[in-house]
Amino acid sequence: MTRSGVKKKVVAAVAMVGAMSMVLAGCGGDGKGETDANGKPVVSVLVQTSQQQDTSIMTDLTKFLEAQCDCSIKWTQVDDTQWAQQKSATLSSGQPDDLSIRAYHPSDAQKYPYFEDLSQDLDKLPNVKAFLEQQPDAKGMVTTPDGKMYTLPRYFGKEYKASGQHLFINKTWLDKLGLAVPTTWDELFNVMEAFKTQDPNGNGQADEIPYAMRNIGTSEIGWWSPFLFLNSTGIATQFNNSPSRFGQYVENGKMKNFLVSDQYRQVLEFLHTMIEKGYSPKDSLTQESSKYYSSLLGTDNGKTATVGLAITNTTDAFGVGTDVAAQYEAIPWPASEKGVTAVADFSQDAGAFEDYGVAMSSSVKNKDAALKIIDAMYSEEGSILARYGNDEYVTKSGDHTYDIAEKYFNQDANAKLPYLADRFAGWISDDWTINGETGAEKLKKTDEVYADQLKAVGDNYLPITIVPSDEDSTTISNNVANILSAALTQNAKWMQDGGLDDASWDAYVKNITPLGIDQNNELYQKWYDEALKK
């Protein structure tokens, strides 16, 4: 083990001891917490947001939740980029907020004992019970082998059973230059060169970005990652939310890690070419996510496109109803080379479910109030308010029937939203009717482009109900931290600067395999086999 690995183990051990003290001190503490000027209990609620959500203007949602709990809510919001930096420190401090929305996965709660086992509180959570009874997969994805439930999932509804990881190309540019949709990497490179040199947007400026590559971190591989080009090699990703984010994949029933695979090396070399040839900006790997999002919108108030290729969910990422957005189409993943069967991201189930809806601190003082907030979030009114907003954005037109206003989908990229949207904790029941849900319609229509590639995945995918034991989850988590930190740091250097050859690749594989690659494969294999029995 490296010295840094030893250090991480020691820090984790110290944090664990501190955590146990806090848990013991916090048990049974209801009624002794902070109160407001009116003597009502105060509950702190953290929510991880995008740049658009603004809890300070979510007055309707706040009023509803506070009425249900007879308490005051103290909101804290942290955007995605900040949370990626703060999450580890928050966990190490042992002081999570009373409630945390879209902040902690079950694996986080299994590693750090700061969170309530909500399976013991279900009698006080009737709306949550109804959700889990209707959607057993939701329950399965957050329930540990010994029956604990440290986080509650969210469910976007049956219409969202689609992957959000799609490859888009500027079809207008292709047509203008007389080019066909690329089906291999070689063909794609030819398209990239044309996009770079032939002024496809026609403004006379060399402002085209042939491929807008999103940045990469060192803690997980996630949404719209450039590593989605693994699908071109025949390895199906599941980057919405699964062990795929840590390198895991399954091939013919056997658990493997793509971080040490020949296919992954191919992807690294492919991405280096994108940067080396100037098809992707030099700062792609380190740029703020906001810069990536902004680049997709083009210039001239959505009239001039500047991006040729990008990975996102739907055309809305390029602007809603703009001239730029109309230029893009989703395309199948081009094969790494002729003869290779490309596949597609297999996150369809995870597209509808996420395992980190809400978690509750085991040290919460005003526990009854916190539980009432959770159950109110999972009520019909609470879920609709948090997901879609007030009657400016959604109206109730019948029993369990709602109409979404066009305004909901026509928000400017910089607009501040008075609802949590996809960051909500709650569920959209299969028994409810949501009219005008164009987001889901676009997502499903986009997913249809990948029908043949999804069929080619066969049984080589990870079920969403893989949940290791607490002990195994902690081992996996510790290994993942070491593996990804070492692997992704080196991978970024190769992508940026090149230098990947047989000797350096062999040394890389030799160095990261002992960090837990084989052990994680073994542990995930055990829980993959168990998931298949559920």
Protein backbone atom coordinates (compact mmCIF):
# COMPACT_ATOMS: atom_id res chain seq x y z
CA MET A 1 0.00 0.00 0.00
CA THR A 2 1.22 3.54 -0.75
CA ARG A 3 1.88 6.01 2.05
CA SER A 4 -1.11 8.06 0.91
CA GLY A 5 -3.24 4.94 1.11
CA VAL A 6 -2.11 4.32 4.70
CA LYS A 7 -2.88 7.92 5.58
CA LYS A 8 -6.41 7.60 4.20
CA LYS A 9 -6.97 4.46 6.23
CA VAL A 10 -5.85 6.23 9.41
CA VAL A 11 -8.04 9.26 8.75
CA ALA A 12 -11.00 6.99 8.08
CA ALA A 13 -10.37 5.12 11.31
CA VAL A 14 -10.17 8.34 13.33
CA ALA A 15 -13.35 9.59 11.69
CA MET A 16 -15.05 6.30 12.52
CA VAL A 17 -14.23 6.57 16.21
CA GLY A 18 -15.48 10.15 16.31
CA ALA A 19 -18.57 9.13 14.43
CA MET A 20 -19.46 6.40 16.87
CA SER A 21 -19.27 8.90 19.73
CA MET A 22 -21.60 11.23 17.88
CA VAL A 23 -24.05 8.48 17.05
CA LEU A 24 -24.26 7.34 20.64
CA ALA A 25 -24.64 10.91 21.85
CA GLY A 26 -27.34 11.61 19.27
CA CYS A 27 -29.61 8.62 19.88
CA GLY A 28 -32.86 9.48 21.59
CA GLY A 29 -32.17 13.21 21.45
CA ASP A 30 -35.53 14.29 20.02
CA GLY A 31 -36.94 17.45 21.56
CA LYS A 32 -33.63 18.93 22.71
CA GLY A 33 -32.62 20.62 19.49
CA GLU A 34 -32.67 24.19 18.24
CA THR A 35 -35.96 26.11 18.27
CA ASP A 36 -37.02 29.29 16.47
CA ALA A 37 -38.41 32.50 18.01
CA ASN A 38 -41.83 30.85 18.27
CA GLY A 39 -40.50 27.82 20.07
CA LYS A 40 -40.86 25.56 17.03
CA PRO A 41 -38.14 22.98 16.31
CA VAL A 42 -35.60 23.87 13.64
CA VAL A 43 -34.46 21.26 11.12
CA SER A 44 -31.41 21.87 8.93
CA VAL A 45 -31.78 20.62 5.36
CA LEU A 46 -28.89 20.50 2.89
CA VAL A 47 -29.59 20.03 -0.79
CA GLN A 48 -27.10 19.55 -3.61
CA THR A 49 -28.26 21.71 -6.48
CA SER A 50 -27.34 22.79 -9.96
CA GLN A 51 -26.66 26.46 -10.68
CA GLN A 52 -30.38 27.01 -11.28
CA GLN A 53 -32.12 25.96 -8.06
CA ASP A 54 -32.55 28.63 -5.38
CA THR A 55 -34.00 27.55 -2.05
CA SER A 56 -34.48 31.18 -0.98
CA ILE A 57 -37.35 31.55 -3.48
CA MET A 58 -38.90 28.11 -2.89
CA THR A 59 -41.51 29.67 -0.63
CA ASP A 60 -44.40 27.40 -1.60
CA LEU A 61 -42.41 24.25 -0.97
CA THR A 62 -40.99 25.57 2.28
CA LYS A 63 -44.38 26.67 3.57
CA PHE A 64 -45.90 23.29 2.73
CA LEU A 65 -43.15 21.31 4.45
CA GLU A 66 -43.11 23.58 7.50
CA ALA A 67 -46.88 23.25 7.86
CA GLN A 68 -46.60 19.47 7.82
CA CYS A 69 -43.81 19.32 10.41
CA ASP A 70 -44.89 22.32 12.52
CA CYS A 71 -41.26 23.36 12.45
CA SER A 72 -38.84 25.77 10.77
CA ILE A 73 -36.53 24.65 7.98
CA LYS A 74 -33.01 26.01 7.69
CA TRP A 75 -31.94 25.42 4.10
CA THR A 76 -28.36 25.06 2.94
CA GLN A 77 -27.67 24.58 -0.75
CA VAL A 78 -24.40 23.50 -2.30
CA ASP A 79 -23.91 23.33 -6.05
CA ASP A 80 -22.49 20.30 -7.79
CA THR A 81 -18.95 21.57 -8.13
CA GLN A 82 -18.77 22.73 -4.52
CA TRP A 83 -20.21 19.48 -3.22
CA ALA A 84 -17.66 17.41 -5.09
CA GLN A 85 -15.03 19.30 -3.09
CA GLN A 86 -16.86 19.47 0.25
CA LYS A 87 -18.47 16.06 0.57
CA SER A 88 -15.42 14.21 1.90
CA ALA A 89 -14.67 16.96 4.41
CA THR A 90 -18.28 16.96 5.62
CA LEU A 91 -18.22 13.21 6.13
CA SER A 92 -14.86 13.33 7.90
CA SER A 93 -16.16 16.03 10.24
CA GLY A 94 -19.01 13.78 11.32
CA GLN A 95 -21.51 16.62 11.13
CA PRO A 96 -23.98 16.14 8.30
CA ASP A 97 -27.13 18.28 8.33
CA ASP A 98 -30.27 16.89 9.92
CA LEU A 99 -31.52 16.02 6.43
CA SER A 100 -29.46 15.85 3.25
CA ILE A 101 -31.09 15.77 -0.20
CA ARG A 102 -29.20 14.29 -3.14
CA ALA A 103 -26.01 14.32 -1.13
CA TYR A 104 -25.15 10.83 0.12
CA HIS A 105 -25.36 7.42 -1.51
CA PRO A 106 -26.00 4.27 0.56
CA SER A 107 -22.30 3.44 0.27
CA ASP A 108 -21.43 6.76 1.96
CA ALA A 109 -23.76 5.99 4.84
CA GLN A 110 -22.43 2.46 5.16
CA LYS A 111 -18.87 3.73 5.46
CA TYR A 112 -19.59 6.59 7.87
CA PRO A 113 -22.00 5.75 10.73
CA TYR A 114 -23.63 9.16 10.93
CA PHE A 115 -26.95 8.25 9.39
CA GLU A 116 -30.28 6.98 10.65
CA ASP A 117 -31.47 3.53 9.69
CA LEU A 118 -34.79 4.67 8.25
CA SER A 119 -36.13 1.13 8.02
CA GLN A 120 -36.82 1.50 11.73
CA ASP A 121 -38.94 4.60 11.14
CA LEU A 122 -41.22 3.44 8.34
CA ASP A 123 -44.27 3.36 10.61
CA LYS A 124 -43.90 7.14 10.84
CA LEU A 125 -43.41 7.42 7.09
CA PRO A 126 -46.64 6.18 5.47
CA ASN A 127 -45.98 7.96 2.17
CA VAL A 128 -42.53 6.41 1.97
CA LYS A 129 -43.99 2.97 2.73
CA ALA A 130 -46.50 3.37 -0.10
CA PHE A 131 -43.69 4.32 -2.48
CA LEU A 132 -41.51 1.35 -1.57
CA GLU A 133 -44.44 -1.05 -1.82
CA GLN A 134 -45.29 0.14 -5.32
CA GLN A 135 -41.65 0.20 -6.45
CA PRO A 136 -39.82 -2.81 -4.95
CA ASP A 137 -36.71 -2.04 -7.06
CA ALA A 138 -36.47 1.29 -5.25
CA LYS A 139 -36.45 -0.51 -1.93
CA GLY A 140 -33.97 -3.08 -3.21
CA MET A 141 -31.46 -0.46 -4.35
CA VAL A 142 -31.11 1.10 -0.87
CA THR A 143 -31.65 -1.87 1.45
CA THR A 144 -28.53 -3.52 2.83
CA PRO A 145 -28.34 -7.32 3.15
CA ASP A 146 -29.22 -7.05 6.84
CA GLY A 147 -32.27 -4.89 6.14
CA LYS A 148 -30.95 -1.41 6.94
CA MET A 149 -31.97 1.61 4.91
CA TYR A 150 -29.68 4.61 5.36
CA THR A 151 -30.96 6.62 2.40
CA LEU A 152 -34.28 6.86 0.61
CA PRO A 153 -34.39 6.79 -3.20
CA ARG A 154 -36.19 9.13 -5.55
CA TYR A 155 -38.34 8.05 -8.47
CA PHE A 156 -38.93 10.26 -11.49
CA GLY A 157 -41.74 8.09 -12.83
CA LYS A 158 -42.10 5.33 -15.37
CA GLU A 159 -41.64 7.73 -18.28
CA TYR A 160 -38.05 8.37 -17.19
CA LYS A 161 -36.82 4.82 -17.62
CA ALA A 162 -34.19 5.90 -20.09
CA SER A 163 -30.49 6.63 -20.01
CA GLY A 164 -29.46 10.26 -19.83
CA GLN A 165 -26.08 9.57 -21.45
CA HIS A 166 -26.43 10.35 -25.16
CA LEU A 167 -24.07 11.39 -27.93
CA PHE A 168 -25.23 14.40 -29.97
CA ILE A 169 -23.83 15.76 -33.21
CA ASN A 170 -24.55 18.96 -35.07
CA LYS A 171 -26.48 17.52 -38.01
CA THR A 172 -26.78 20.93 -39.65
CA TRP A 173 -23.00 21.11 -39.85
CA LEU A 174 -22.79 17.58 -41.25
CA ASP A 175 -25.31 18.38 -43.96
CA LYS A 176 -23.65 21.67 -44.86
CA LEU A 177 -20.28 19.94 -45.28
CA GLY A 178 -21.77 16.94 -47.11
CA LEU A 179 -20.73 14.50 -44.40
CA ALA A 180 -22.48 11.35 -43.19
CA VAL A 181 -23.06 10.43 -39.56
CA PRO A 182 -19.80 8.74 -38.45
CA THR A 183 -20.03 5.04 -37.59
CA THR A 184 -16.40 4.47 -36.55
CA TRP A 185 -13.78 6.49 -34.72
CA ASP A 186 -11.80 7.02 -37.92
CA GLU A 187 -14.87 8.49 -39.57
CA LEU A 188 -15.49 10.61 -36.48
CA PHE A 189 -11.96 12.04 -36.60
CA ASN A 190 -12.55 13.02 -40.24
CA VAL A 191 -15.71 14.83 -39.18
CA MET A 192 -13.88 16.54 -36.32
CA GLU A 193 -11.23 17.83 -38.72
CA ALA A 194 -13.89 19.23 -41.02
CA PHE A 195 -15.70 20.88 -38.12
CA LYS A 196 -12.42 22.46 -37.03
CA THR A 197 -11.23 23.77 -40.39
CA GLN A 198 -14.23 24.41 -42.66
CA ASP A 199 -16.16 27.06 -40.69
CA PRO A 200 -19.38 25.03 -40.46
CA ASN A 201 -21.24 27.72 -38.52
CA GLY A 202 -20.45 30.19 -41.28
CA ASN A 203 -19.54 33.19 -39.16
CA GLY A 204 -16.03 33.52 -40.55
CA GLN A 205 -14.43 32.91 -37.16
CA ALA A 206 -12.42 29.91 -35.94
CA ASP A 207 -14.71 29.57 -32.93
CA GLU A 208 -15.93 26.01 -33.49
CA ILE A 209 -15.41 23.38 -30.78
CA PRO A 210 -15.55 20.08 -32.69
CA TYR A 211 -16.04 18.04 -29.49
CA ALA A 212 -17.06 19.72 -26.22
CA MET A 213 -15.49 17.33 -23.72
CA ARG A 214 -16.74 17.48 -20.15
CA ASN A 215 -14.26 17.61 -17.26
CA ILE A 216 -13.32 14.60 -15.15
CA GLY A 217 -12.88 14.30 -11.40
CA THR A 218 -10.99 11.83 -9.23
CA SER A 219 -13.75 10.44 -7.00
CA GLU A 220 -16.08 8.81 -9.51
CA ILE A 221 -16.92 8.63 -13.20
CA GLY A 222 -20.30 10.14 -13.81
CA TRP A 223 -22.69 12.06 -15.95
CA TRP A 224 -21.65 12.91 -19.51
CA SER A 225 -18.12 11.68 -18.92
CA PRO A 226 -15.86 11.33 -21.97
CA PHE A 227 -15.32 7.76 -20.80
CA LEU A 228 -18.76 6.99 -22.24
CA PHE A 229 -16.81 6.25 -25.42
CA LEU A 230 -16.20 2.87 -23.78
CA ASN A 231 -19.49 1.96 -25.39
CA SER A 232 -17.72 2.25 -28.73
CA THR A 233 -15.45 -0.62 -27.69
CA GLY A 234 -18.27 -2.97 -26.65
CA ILE A 235 -18.18 -2.29 -22.88
CA ALA A 236 -21.57 -1.00 -21.75
CA THR A 237 -21.40 1.82 -19.23
CA GLN A 238 -24.03 2.62 -16.60
CA PHE A 239 -22.96 6.07 -15.51
CA ASN A 240 -26.31 7.35 -14.25
CA ASN A 241 -25.75 5.57 -10.95
CA SER A 242 -24.14 2.17 -10.48
CA PRO A 243 -20.79 0.53 -9.68
CA SER A 244 -19.96 1.37 -13.29
CA ARG A 245 -19.00 4.80 -11.92
CA PHE A 246 -16.09 3.07 -10.18
CA GLY A 247 -14.96 1.06 -13.19
CA GLN A 248 -17.03 -2.08 -12.68
CA TYR A 249 -18.69 -3.94 -15.53
CA VAL A 250 -19.85 -7.48 -16.11
CA GLU A 251 -18.97 -9.74 -19.01
CA ASN A 252 -20.65 -13.13 -19.37
CA GLY A 253 -21.54 -13.13 -15.69
CA LYS A 254 -18.03 -12.25 -14.51
CA MET A 255 -17.30 -9.00 -12.69
CA LYS A 256 -14.40 -6.95 -14.10
CA ASN A 257 -12.95 -3.45 -13.87
CA PHE A 258 -12.53 -1.53 -17.11
CA LEU A 259 -9.85 0.76 -15.64
CA VAL A 260 -7.29 -1.94 -16.41
CA SER A 261 -8.84 -3.15 -19.67
CA ASP A 262 -7.41 -2.85 -23.17
CA GLN A 263 -10.63 -1.13 -24.23
CA TYR A 264 -10.10 1.60 -21.67
CA ARG A 265 -6.60 2.17 -22.97
CA GLN A 266 -8.09 2.61 -26.43
CA VAL A 267 -10.47 5.24 -25.09
CA LEU A 268 -7.64 7.14 -23.40
CA GLU A 269 -5.71 7.21 -26.67
CA PHE A 270 -8.84 8.28 -28.55
CA LEU A 271 -9.49 11.15 -26.12
CA HIS A 272 -5.87 12.25 -26.26
CA THR A 273 -6.18 12.54 -30.02
CA MET A 274 -9.24 14.74 -29.55
CA ILE A 275 -7.23 17.15 -27.41
CA GLU A 276 -3.94 16.86 -29.32
CA LYS A 277 -5.59 17.67 -32.66
CA GLY A 278 -7.42 20.65 -31.19
CA TYR A 279 -10.83 19.05 -31.53
CA SER A 280 -11.42 19.60 -27.79
CA PRO A 281 -10.17 22.61 -25.78
CA LYS A 282 -6.90 22.21 -23.90
CA ASP A 283 -8.62 22.96 -20.59
CA SER A 284 -11.43 20.43 -21.14
CA LEU A 285 -10.41 18.16 -18.27
CA THR A 286 -10.17 20.90 -15.65
CA GLN A 287 -12.75 23.49 -16.74
CA GLU A 288 -15.72 24.32 -14.54
CA SER A 289 -18.86 22.41 -15.48
CA SER A 290 -20.61 25.74 -16.03
CA LYS A 291 -18.23 26.49 -18.90
CA TYR A 292 -19.13 23.16 -20.53
CA TYR A 293 -22.86 23.85 -20.16
CA SER A 294 -22.50 27.37 -21.56
CA SER A 295 -20.54 26.19 -24.60
CA LEU A 296 -23.47 24.02 -25.67
CA LEU A 297 -25.75 27.05 -25.92
CA GLY A 298 -23.74 28.68 -28.70
CA THR A 299 -23.53 32.44 -29.18
CA ASP A 300 -25.70 35.29 -30.41
CA ASN A 301 -28.49 34.39 -27.98
CA GLY A 302 -28.86 30.86 -29.25
CA LYS A 303 -28.57 31.64 -32.95
CA THR A 304 -25.02 30.48 -33.72
CA ALA A 305 -23.82 27.01 -32.74
CA THR A 306 -20.18 26.59 -31.75
CA VAL A 307 -20.15 22.90 -30.73
CA GLY A 308 -20.07 19.98 -33.13
CA LEU A 309 -20.22 16.97 -30.80
CA ALA A 310 -21.25 16.64 -27.15
CA ILE A 311 -22.55 14.15 -24.59
CA THR A 312 -25.69 15.18 -22.72
CA ASN A 313 -29.28 14.01 -22.13
CA THR A 314 -31.58 15.79 -24.60
CA THR A 315 -31.46 18.68 -27.08
CA ASP A 316 -32.66 20.98 -24.29
CA ALA A 317 -29.04 21.13 -23.15
CA PHE A 318 -28.36 23.20 -26.29
CA GLY A 319 -31.15 25.63 -25.42
CA VAL A 320 -34.90 25.26 -25.29
CA GLY A 321 -36.55 26.16 -28.59
CA THR A 322 -33.47 27.96 -29.93
CA ASP A 323 -32.00 27.87 -33.43
CA VAL A 324 -28.94 26.17 -31.98
CA ALA A 325 -30.88 23.37 -30.29
CA ALA A 326 -32.65 22.49 -33.54
CA GLN A 327 -29.31 21.64 -35.15
CA TYR A 328 -28.53 18.61 -32.97
CA GLU A 329 -29.44 14.94 -33.25
CA ALA A 330 -28.51 11.97 -31.11
CA ILE A 331 -26.42 9.37 -32.89
CA PRO A 332 -25.41 5.79 -32.02
CA TRP A 333 -21.97 5.34 -30.52
CA PRO A 334 -19.48 4.98 -33.37
CA ALA A 335 -17.52 1.72 -33.16
CA SER A 336 -13.88 2.01 -32.10
CA GLU A 337 -13.03 0.21 -35.34
CA LYS A 338 -14.74 -1.79 -38.04
CA GLY A 339 -15.85 -5.19 -36.82
CA VAL A 340 -16.47 -4.05 -33.22
CA THR A 341 -20.06 -4.13 -31.98
CA ALA A 342 -20.68 -0.87 -30.18
CA VAL A 343 -23.20 -0.81 -27.33
CA ALA A 344 -24.91 1.99 -25.39
CA ASP A 345 -25.15 3.22 -21.82
CA PHE A 346 -27.49 0.85 -19.96
CA SER A 347 -28.76 3.22 -17.26
CA GLN A 348 -32.44 2.90 -18.09
CA ASP A 349 -33.55 1.71 -14.64
CA ALA A 350 -31.22 4.18 -12.95
CA GLY A 351 -32.69 6.88 -15.17
CA ALA A 352 -35.97 6.54 -13.30
CA PHE A 353 -34.49 5.82 -9.86
CA GLU A 354 -31.68 7.36 -7.85
CA ASP A 355 -30.47 5.94 -4.55
CA TYR A 356 -29.71 9.26 -2.87
CA GLY A 357 -33.03 11.02 -2.42
CA VAL A 358 -32.65 11.93 1.23
CA ALA A 359 -30.65 10.81 4.27
CA MET A 360 -31.17 11.72 7.94
CA SER A 361 -28.45 12.25 10.51
CA SER A 362 -28.50 9.75 13.37
CA SER A 363 -27.68 12.71 15.63
CA VAL A 364 -30.73 14.74 14.64
CA LYS A 365 -32.23 16.36 17.75
CA ASN A 366 -35.66 17.22 16.40
CA LYS A 367 -36.21 13.76 15.00
CA ASP A 368 -40.01 13.73 14.87
CA ALA A 369 -40.04 16.98 12.93
CA ALA A 370 -37.39 15.69 10.55
CA LEU A 371 -39.37 12.52 9.89
CA LYS A 372 -42.48 14.58 9.19
CA ILE A 373 -40.54 16.58 6.62
CA ILE A 374 -39.39 13.39 4.91
CA ASP A 375 -42.90 11.99 4.75
CA ALA A 376 -44.24 15.30 3.46
CA MET A 377 -41.60 15.23 0.71
CA TYR A 378 -42.89 11.81 -0.36
CA SER A 379 -46.55 12.87 -0.28
CA GLU A 380 -48.27 13.57 -3.58
CA GLU A 381 -48.45 17.33 -2.98
CA GLY A 382 -44.90 17.53 -1.69
CA SER A 383 -43.44 15.52 -4.56
CA ILE A 384 -45.25 17.59 -7.20
CA LEU A 385 -44.26 20.89 -5.55
CA ALA A 386 -40.61 19.90 -5.28
CA ARG A 387 -40.38 18.33 -8.74
CA TYR A 388 -42.42 20.80 -10.78
CA GLY A 389 -43.10 23.88 -8.64
CA ASN A 390 -46.25 25.84 -7.85
CA ASP A 391 -49.26 26.61 -10.03
CA GLU A 392 -47.17 28.85 -12.28
CA TYR A 393 -45.57 25.67 -13.59
CA VAL A 394 -48.05 22.87 -12.91
CA THR A 395 -51.80 22.70 -12.35
CA LYS A 396 -53.95 19.93 -10.99
CA SER A 397 -56.60 19.06 -13.60
CA GLY A 398 -58.17 15.99 -11.98
CA ASP A 399 -57.63 13.25 -9.44
CA HIS A 400 -53.90 12.49 -9.46
CA THR A 401 -53.67 14.32 -12.80
CA TYR A 402 -51.41 17.27 -13.51
CA ASP A 403 -50.67 19.51 -16.48
CA ILE A 404 -47.15 20.86 -16.86
CA ALA A 405 -46.96 24.40 -18.27
CA GLU A 406 -44.65 25.18 -21.16
CA LYS A 407 -42.95 27.68 -18.88
CA TYR A 408 -41.48 24.80 -16.91
CA PHE A 409 -39.44 23.68 -19.91
CA ASN A 410 -38.64 27.09 -21.33
CA GLN A 411 -36.37 28.37 -18.59
CA ASP A 412 -33.27 30.33 -19.51
CA ALA A 413 -30.07 28.48 -18.60
CA ASN A 414 -29.25 31.21 -16.07
CA ALA A 415 -32.74 31.44 -14.56
CA LYS A 416 -33.21 30.78 -10.85
CA LEU A 417 -35.86 28.17 -10.19
CA PRO A 418 -38.30 28.03 -7.25
CA TYR A 419 -38.42 24.23 -7.31
CA LEU A 420 -35.90 21.41 -6.97
CA ALA A 421 -36.65 19.76 -10.33
CA ASP A 422 -34.53 16.62 -10.71
CA ARG A 423 -32.88 17.30 -7.34
CA PHE A 424 -36.04 16.60 -5.37
CA ALA A 425 -36.60 13.94 -2.74
CA GLY A 426 -39.88 12.21 -3.47
CA TRP A 427 -41.57 10.13 -6.16
CA ILE A 428 -43.89 10.35 -9.12
CA SER A 429 -46.27 7.43 -8.73
CA ASP A 430 -47.17 5.22 -11.67
CA ASP A 431 -50.79 5.92 -10.70
CA TRP A 432 -50.48 9.64 -11.39
CA THR A 433 -50.90 11.21 -14.81
CA ILE A 434 -48.46 13.94 -15.77
CA ASN A 435 -49.52 15.69 -18.98
CA GLY A 436 -47.08 17.78 -20.97
CA GLU A 437 -44.00 16.13 -19.50
CA THR A 438 -41.94 16.91 -22.58
CA GLY A 439 -38.68 16.24 -20.73
CA ALA A 440 -39.54 12.56 -20.36
CA GLU A 441 -40.85 12.41 -23.92
CA LYS A 442 -37.60 13.84 -25.29
CA LEU A 443 -35.52 11.53 -23.16
CA LYS A 444 -37.35 8.41 -24.30
CA LYS A 445 -37.32 9.49 -27.92
CA THR A 446 -33.59 10.07 -27.70
CA ASP A 447 -33.06 6.67 -26.11
CA GLU A 448 -34.78 5.02 -29.08
CA VAL A 449 -31.77 5.92 -31.22
CA TYR A 450 -29.82 3.32 -29.24
CA ALA A 451 -32.33 0.47 -29.48
CA ASP A 452 -30.02 -1.86 -31.43
CA GLN A 453 -27.00 -1.03 -29.30
CA LEU A 454 -28.97 -1.60 -26.10
CA LYS A 455 -30.09 -4.97 -27.44
CA ALA A 456 -26.44 -5.82 -28.06
CA VAL A 457 -25.72 -5.40 -24.32
CA GLY A 458 -27.59 -8.64 -23.63
CA ASP A 459 -27.12 -9.73 -20.01
CA ASN A 460 -23.89 -7.77 -19.57
CA TYR A 461 -25.25 -5.13 -17.23
CA LEU A 462 -25.34 -4.40 -13.49
CA PRO A 463 -28.75 -4.60 -11.75
CA ILE A 464 -29.67 -1.50 -9.74
CA THR A 465 -30.32 -3.73 -6.71
CA ILE A 466 -26.64 -4.51 -6.06
CA VAL A 467 -26.17 -3.51 -2.41
CA PRO A 468 -23.14 -4.92 -0.54
CA SER A 469 -23.08 -5.45 3.21
CA ASP A 470 -21.88 -2.60 5.42
CA GLU A 471 -18.50 -4.27 5.88
CA ASP A 472 -18.01 -5.02 2.19
CA SER A 473 -19.29 -1.59 1.19
CA THR A 474 -16.71 0.07 3.42
CA THR A 475 -13.93 -2.09 1.96
CA ILE A 476 -15.10 -1.30 -1.56
CA SER A 477 -15.37 2.40 -0.80
CA ASN A 478 -11.86 2.59 0.64
CA ASN A 479 -10.50 0.71 -2.35
CA VAL A 480 -12.39 2.92 -4.80
CA ALA A 481 -10.98 6.09 -3.25
CA ASN A 482 -7.43 4.83 -3.72
CA ILE A 483 -8.02 3.31 -7.16
CA LEU A 484 -9.77 6.28 -8.73
CA SER A 485 -7.44 8.86 -7.25
CA ALA A 486 -4.43 7.06 -8.71
CA ALA A 487 -6.06 5.96 -11.97
CA LEU A 488 -7.87 9.14 -12.98
CA THR A 489 -4.95 11.38 -12.15
CA GLN A 490 -2.71 9.34 -14.45
CA ASN A 491 -5.43 9.01 -17.05
CA ALA A 492 -5.85 12.77 -17.21
CA LYS A 493 -2.12 13.20 -17.85
CA TRP A 494 -2.25 10.76 -20.73
CA MET A 495 -5.34 12.40 -22.18
CA GLN A 496 -3.79 15.84 -21.90
CA ASP A 497 -0.14 15.22 -22.73
CA GLY A 498 0.09 11.76 -24.34
CA GLY A 499 2.94 9.42 -23.55
CA LEU A 500 0.82 6.29 -23.23
CA ASP A 501 2.81 3.33 -24.53
CA ASP A 502 3.09 -0.37 -23.69
CA ALA A 503 5.63 0.16 -20.91
CA SER A 504 3.71 2.96 -19.19
CA TRP A 505 0.40 1.09 -19.51
CA ASP A 506 1.87 -2.08 -18.01
CA ALA A 507 3.34 -0.06 -15.14
CA TYR A 508 -0.02 1.64 -14.56
CA VAL A 509 -1.91 -1.66 -14.42
CA LYS A 510 0.73 -3.10 -12.11
CA ASN A 511 0.46 -0.10 -9.79
CA ILE A 512 -3.30 0.24 -9.44
CA THR A 513 -4.30 -3.44 -9.38
CA PRO A 514 -2.96 -3.95 -5.81
CA LEU A 515 -5.04 -0.97 -4.63
CA GLY A 516 -8.10 -3.22 -4.61
CA ILE A 517 -9.08 -4.02 -8.19
CA ASP A 518 -9.20 -7.78 -7.63
CA GLN A 519 -10.78 -7.48 -4.19
CA ASN A 520 -13.55 -5.21 -5.47
CA ASN A 521 -14.21 -7.56 -8.37
CA GLU A 522 -14.57 -10.41 -5.90
CA LEU A 523 -16.86 -8.50 -3.54
CA TYR A 524 -19.03 -7.07 -6.29
CA GLN A 525 -19.26 -10.52 -7.84
CA LYS A 526 -20.77 -11.81 -4.60
CA TRP A 527 -23.39 -9.07 -4.43
CA TYR A 528 -24.06 -9.16 -8.17
CA ASP A 529 -24.90 -12.85 -7.82
CA GLU A 530 -27.18 -12.04 -4.87
CA ALA A 531 -28.91 -9.28 -6.83
CA LEU A 532 -29.76 -11.72 -9.61
CA LYS A 533 -31.70 -13.77 -7.05
CA LYS A 534 -33.90 -10.84 -5.94
